[in-house]
Amino acid sequence: MVPTWPFEDPENVAVITTQIIMTKERPVLFVSHDEEDGMWQFLEGEEANERD
């Protein structure tokens, strides 16, 4: 039996993060969840550049 998705947001909700986190060079130190659209942000706590 496949468990049901336990969150209110859909499984394919948008997420913003940086390449440095995706390559595991830096840890996630800041998490934000936008109430309006459900989008998540996983950042390293420093100013992020859009190209990252």
PDB file of N, CA and C in Angstrom:
ATOM      1  N   MET A   1       0.847  -1.182   0.000  1.00  0.00           N
ATOM      2  CA  MET A   1       0.000   0.000   0.000  1.00  0.00           C
ATOM      3  C   MET A   1       0.890   1.243   0.000  1.00  0.00           C
ATOM      4  N   VAL A   2       0.612   2.154  -0.908  1.00  0.00           N
ATOM      5  CA  VAL A   2       1.370   3.391  -1.016  1.00  0.00           C
ATOM      6  C   VAL A   2       0.791   4.402  -0.034  1.00  0.00           C
ATOM      7  N   PRO A   3       1.643   5.003   0.826  1.00  0.00           N
ATOM      8  CA  PRO A   3       1.118   5.992   1.770  1.00  0.00           C
ATOM      9  C   PRO A   3       0.619   7.239   1.037  1.00  0.00           C
ATOM     10  N   THR A   4      -0.380   7.885   1.593  1.00  0.00           N
ATOM     11  CA  THR A   4      -0.894   9.112   0.993  1.00  0.00           C
ATOM     12  C   THR A   4       0.048  10.264   1.305  1.00  0.00           C
ATOM     13  N   TRP A   5       0.048  11.258   0.445  1.00  0.00           N
ATOM     14  CA  TRP A   5       0.884  12.448   0.623  1.00  0.00           C
ATOM     15  C   TRP A   5       0.425  13.177   1.885  1.00  0.00           C
ATOM     16  N   PRO A   6       1.313  13.381   2.887  1.00  0.00           N
ATOM     17  CA  PRO A   6       0.884  13.906   4.181  1.00  0.00           C
ATOM     18  C   PRO A   6       0.828  15.435   4.286  1.00  0.00           C
ATOM     19  N   PHE A   7       1.102  16.145   3.169  1.00  0.00           N
ATOM     20  CA  PHE A   7       1.181  17.598   3.238  1.00  0.00           C
ATOM     21  C   PHE A   7       0.052  18.258   2.468  1.00  0.00           C
ATOM     22  N   GLU A   8      -0.274  19.493   2.826  1.00  0.00           N
ATOM     23  CA  GLU A   8      -1.323  20.228   2.120  1.00  0.00           C
ATOM     24  C   GLU A   8      -0.879  20.634   0.722  1.00  0.00           C
ATOM     25  N   ASP A   9       0.408  20.938   0.543  1.00  0.00           N
ATOM     26  CA  ASP A   9       0.927  21.327  -0.764  1.00  0.00           C
ATOM     27  C   ASP A   9       1.008  20.098  -1.671  1.00  0.00           C
ATOM     28  N   PRO A  10       0.849  20.297  -2.998  1.00  0.00           N
ATOM     29  CA  PRO A  10       0.969  19.156  -3.906  1.00  0.00           C
ATOM     30  C   PRO A  10       2.409  18.632  -3.953  1.00  0.00           C
ATOM     31  N   GLU A  11       2.584  17.415  -4.403  1.00  0.00           N
ATOM     32  CA  GLU A  11       3.910  16.812  -4.472  1.00  0.00           C
ATOM     33  C   GLU A  11       4.842  17.553  -5.427  1.00  0.00           C
ATOM     34  N   ASN A  12       4.301  18.280  -6.380  1.00  0.00           N
ATOM     35  CA  ASN A  12       5.121  18.974  -7.369  1.00  0.00           C
ATOM     36  C   ASN A  12       5.191  20.485  -7.131  1.00  0.00           C
ATOM     37  N   VAL A  13       5.045  20.928  -5.887  1.00  0.00           N
ATOM     38  CA  VAL A  13       5.102  22.350  -5.570  1.00  0.00           C
ATOM     39  C   VAL A  13       6.504  22.883  -5.892  1.00  0.00           C
ATOM     40  N   ALA A  14       6.583  24.133  -6.334  1.00  0.00           N
ATOM     41  CA  ALA A  14       7.857  24.736  -6.722  1.00  0.00           C
ATOM     42  C   ALA A  14       8.782  24.929  -5.517  1.00  0.00           C
ATOM     43  N   VAL A  15      10.067  24.712  -5.763  1.00  0.00           N
ATOM     44  CA  VAL A  15      11.092  24.891  -4.747  1.00  0.00           C
ATOM     45  C   VAL A  15      12.221  25.724  -5.339  1.00  0.00           C
ATOM     46  N   ILE A  16      12.712  26.686  -4.572  1.00  0.00           N
ATOM     47  CA  ILE A  16      13.865  27.481  -4.982  1.00  0.00           C
ATOM     48  C   ILE A  16      15.028  27.105  -4.087  1.00  0.00           C
ATOM     49  N   THR A  17      16.167  26.827  -4.706  1.00  0.00           N
ATOM     50  CA  THR A  17      17.386  26.556  -3.962  1.00  0.00           C
ATOM     51  C   THR A  17      18.561  26.987  -4.827  1.00  0.00           C
ATOM     52  N   THR A  18      19.768  26.750  -4.367  1.00  0.00           N
ATOM     53  CA  THR A  18      20.948  27.151  -5.125  1.00  0.00           C
ATOM     54  C   THR A  18      21.739  25.921  -5.568  1.00  0.00           C
ATOM     55  N   GLN A  19      22.563  26.116  -6.557  1.00  0.00           N
ATOM     56  CA  GLN A  19      23.394  25.033  -7.063  1.00  0.00           C
ATOM     57  C   GLN A  19      24.342  24.521  -5.985  1.00  0.00           C
ATOM     58  N   ILE A  20      24.852  25.408  -5.152  1.00  0.00           N
ATOM     59  CA  ILE A  20      25.800  25.016  -4.100  1.00  0.00           C
ATOM     60  C   ILE A  20      25.153  24.088  -3.071  1.00  0.00           C
ATOM     61  N   ILE A  21      23.861  24.235  -2.848  1.00  0.00           N
ATOM     62  CA  ILE A  21      23.140  23.307  -1.960  1.00  0.00           C
ATOM     63  C   ILE A  21      22.899  21.990  -2.691  1.00  0.00           C
ATOM     64  N   MET A  22      22.526  22.054  -3.949  1.00  0.00           N
ATOM     65  CA  MET A  22      22.259  20.837  -4.715  1.00  0.00           C
ATOM     66  C   MET A  22      23.503  19.961  -4.857  1.00  0.00           C
ATOM     67  N   THR A  23      24.677  20.576  -4.904  1.00  0.00           N
ATOM     68  CA  THR A  23      25.926  19.807  -5.010  1.00  0.00           C
ATOM     69  C   THR A  23      26.497  19.447  -3.640  1.00  0.00           C
ATOM     70  N   LYS A  24      25.736  19.770  -2.586  1.00  0.00           N
ATOM     71  CA  LYS A  24      26.092  19.441  -1.196  1.00  0.00           C
ATOM     72  C   LYS A  24      27.389  20.092  -0.725  1.00  0.00           C
ATOM     73  N   GLU A  25      27.716  21.255  -1.319  1.00  0.00           N
ATOM     74  CA  GLU A  25      28.887  22.009  -0.877  1.00  0.00           C
ATOM     75  C   GLU A  25      28.584  22.848   0.363  1.00  0.00           C
ATOM     76  N   ARG A  26      27.321  23.206   0.530  1.00  0.00           N
ATOM     77  CA  ARG A  26      26.879  23.985   1.695  1.00  0.00           C
ATOM     78  C   ARG A  26      25.574  23.400   2.193  1.00  0.00           C
ATOM     79  N   PRO A  27      25.305  23.496   3.518  1.00  0.00           N
ATOM     80  CA  PRO A  27      24.043  22.983   4.049  1.00  0.00           C
ATOM     81  C   PRO A  27      22.910  24.003   3.921  1.00  0.00           C
ATOM     82  N   VAL A  28      21.704  23.534   4.016  1.00  0.00           N
ATOM     83  CA  VAL A  28      20.531  24.412   4.076  1.00  0.00           C
ATOM     84  C   VAL A  28      20.488  25.019   5.469  1.00  0.00           C
ATOM     85  N   LEU A  29      20.536  26.354   5.550  1.00  0.00           N
ATOM     86  CA  LEU A  29      20.492  27.048   6.839  1.00  0.00           C
ATOM     87  C   LEU A  29      19.280  27.966   6.956  1.00  0.00           C
ATOM     88  N   PHE A  30      18.530  28.128   5.855  1.00  0.00           N
ATOM     89  CA  PHE A  30      17.351  28.996   5.877  1.00  0.00           C
ATOM     90  C   PHE A  30      16.260  28.343   5.041  1.00  0.00           C
ATOM     91  N   VAL A  31      15.073  28.199   5.627  1.00  0.00           N
ATOM     92  CA  VAL A  31      13.924  27.625   4.927  1.00  0.00           C
ATOM     93  C   VAL A  31      12.773  28.608   5.017  1.00  0.00           C
ATOM     94  N   SER A  32      12.113  28.824   3.892  1.00  0.00           N
ATOM     95  CA  SER A  32      10.968  29.725   3.841  1.00  0.00           C
ATOM     96  C   SER A  32       9.844  29.044   3.075  1.00  0.00           C
ATOM     97  N   HIS A  33       8.609  29.232   3.543  1.00  0.00           N
ATOM     98  CA  HIS A  33       7.428  28.687   2.863  1.00  0.00           C
ATOM     99  C   HIS A  33       6.473  29.829   2.592  1.00  0.00           C
ATOM    100  N   ASP A  34       6.244  30.122   1.313  1.00  0.00           N
ATOM    101  CA  ASP A  34       5.372  31.230   0.929  1.00  0.00           C
ATOM    102  C   ASP A  34       3.914  30.820   1.071  1.00  0.00           C
ATOM    103  N   GLU A  35       3.206  31.547   1.890  1.00  0.00           N
ATOM    104  CA  GLU A  35       1.814  31.215   2.161  1.00  0.00           C
ATOM    105  C   GLU A  35       0.917  31.385   0.935  1.00  0.00           C
ATOM    106  N   GLU A  36       1.205  32.394   0.100  1.00  0.00           N
ATOM    107  CA  GLU A  36       0.341  32.694  -1.039  1.00  0.00           C
ATOM    108  C   GLU A  36       0.316  31.576  -2.083  1.00  0.00           C
ATOM    109  N   ASP A  37       1.499  31.089  -2.483  1.00  0.00           N
ATOM    110  CA  ASP A  37       1.549  30.096  -3.559  1.00  0.00           C
ATOM    111  C   ASP A  37       2.114  28.746  -3.131  1.00  0.00           C
ATOM    112  N   GLY A  38       2.505  28.613  -1.880  1.00  0.00           N
ATOM    113  CA  GLY A  38       3.011  27.350  -1.370  1.00  0.00           C
ATOM    114  C   GLY A  38       4.446  27.040  -1.730  1.00  0.00           C
ATOM    115  N   MET A  39       5.132  27.951  -2.436  1.00  0.00           N
ATOM    116  CA  MET A  39       6.504  27.725  -2.861  1.00  0.00           C
ATOM    117  C   MET A  39       7.451  27.670  -1.659  1.00  0.00           C
ATOM    118  N   TRP A  40       8.430  26.781  -1.727  1.00  0.00           N
ATOM    119  CA  TRP A  40       9.444  26.644  -0.689  1.00  0.00           C
ATOM    120  C   TRP A  40      10.758  27.221  -1.177  1.00  0.00           C
ATOM    121  N   GLN A  41      11.560  27.743  -0.231  1.00  0.00           N
ATOM    122  CA  GLN A  41      12.917  28.189  -0.522  1.00  0.00           C
ATOM    123  C   GLN A  41      13.852  27.514   0.474  1.00  0.00           C
ATOM    124  N   PHE A  42      14.887  26.874  -0.043  1.00  0.00           N
ATOM    125  CA  PHE A  42      15.915  26.243   0.767  1.00  0.00           C
ATOM    126  C   PHE A  42      17.231  26.924   0.419  1.00  0.00           C
ATOM    127  N   LEU A  43      17.748  27.735   1.335  1.00  0.00           N
ATOM    128  CA  LEU A  43      18.934  28.555   1.048  1.00  0.00           C
ATOM    129  C   LEU A  43      19.999  28.337   2.113  1.00  0.00           C
ATOM    130  N   GLU A  44      21.205  28.832   1.818  1.00  0.00           N
ATOM    131  CA  GLU A  44      22.316  28.620   2.742  1.00  0.00           C
ATOM    132  C   GLU A  44      22.503  29.759   3.733  1.00  0.00           C
ATOM    133  N   GLY A  45      21.607  30.716   3.753  1.00  0.00           N
ATOM    134  CA  GLY A  45      21.652  31.780   4.745  1.00  0.00           C
ATOM    135  C   GLY A  45      22.394  33.020   4.316  1.00  0.00           C
ATOM    136  N   GLU A  46      23.029  32.977   3.134  1.00  0.00           N
ATOM    137  CA  GLU A  46      23.703  34.151   2.589  1.00  0.00           C
ATOM    138  C   GLU A  46      22.891  34.671   1.420  1.00  0.00           C
ATOM    139  N   GLU A  47      23.188  35.875   0.990  1.00  0.00           N
ATOM    140  CA  GLU A  47      22.450  36.456  -0.131  1.00  0.00           C
ATOM    141  C   GLU A  47      22.591  35.574  -1.366  1.00  0.00           C
ATOM    142  N   ALA A  48      21.477  35.203  -1.929  1.00  0.00           N
ATOM    143  CA  ALA A  48      21.474  34.326  -3.101  1.00  0.00           C
ATOM    144  C   ALA A  48      21.407  35.160  -4.372  1.00  0.00           C
ATOM    145  N   ASN A  49      22.153  34.726  -5.370  1.00  0.00           N
ATOM    146  CA  ASN A  49      22.122  35.362  -6.681  1.00  0.00           C
ATOM    147  C   ASN A  49      21.192  34.542  -7.555  1.00  0.00           C
ATOM    148  N   GLU A  50      20.357  35.191  -8.330  1.00  0.00           N
ATOM    149  CA  GLU A  50      19.365  34.496  -9.144  1.00  0.00           C
ATOM    150  C   GLU A  50      20.000  33.465 -10.077  1.00  0.00           C
ATOM    151  N   ARG A  51      21.189  33.716 -10.577  1.00  0.00           N
ATOM    152  CA  ARG A  51      21.843  32.769 -11.489  1.00  0.00           C
ATOM    153  C   ARG A  51      22.290  31.480 -10.769  1.00  0.00           C
ATOM    154  N   ASP A  52      22.414  31.538  -9.426  1.00  0.00           N
ATOM    155  CA  ASP A  52      22.793  30.363  -8.653  1.00  0.00           C
ATOM    156  C   ASP A  52      21.644  29.389  -8.532  1.00  0.00           C
TER     157      ASP A  52
END
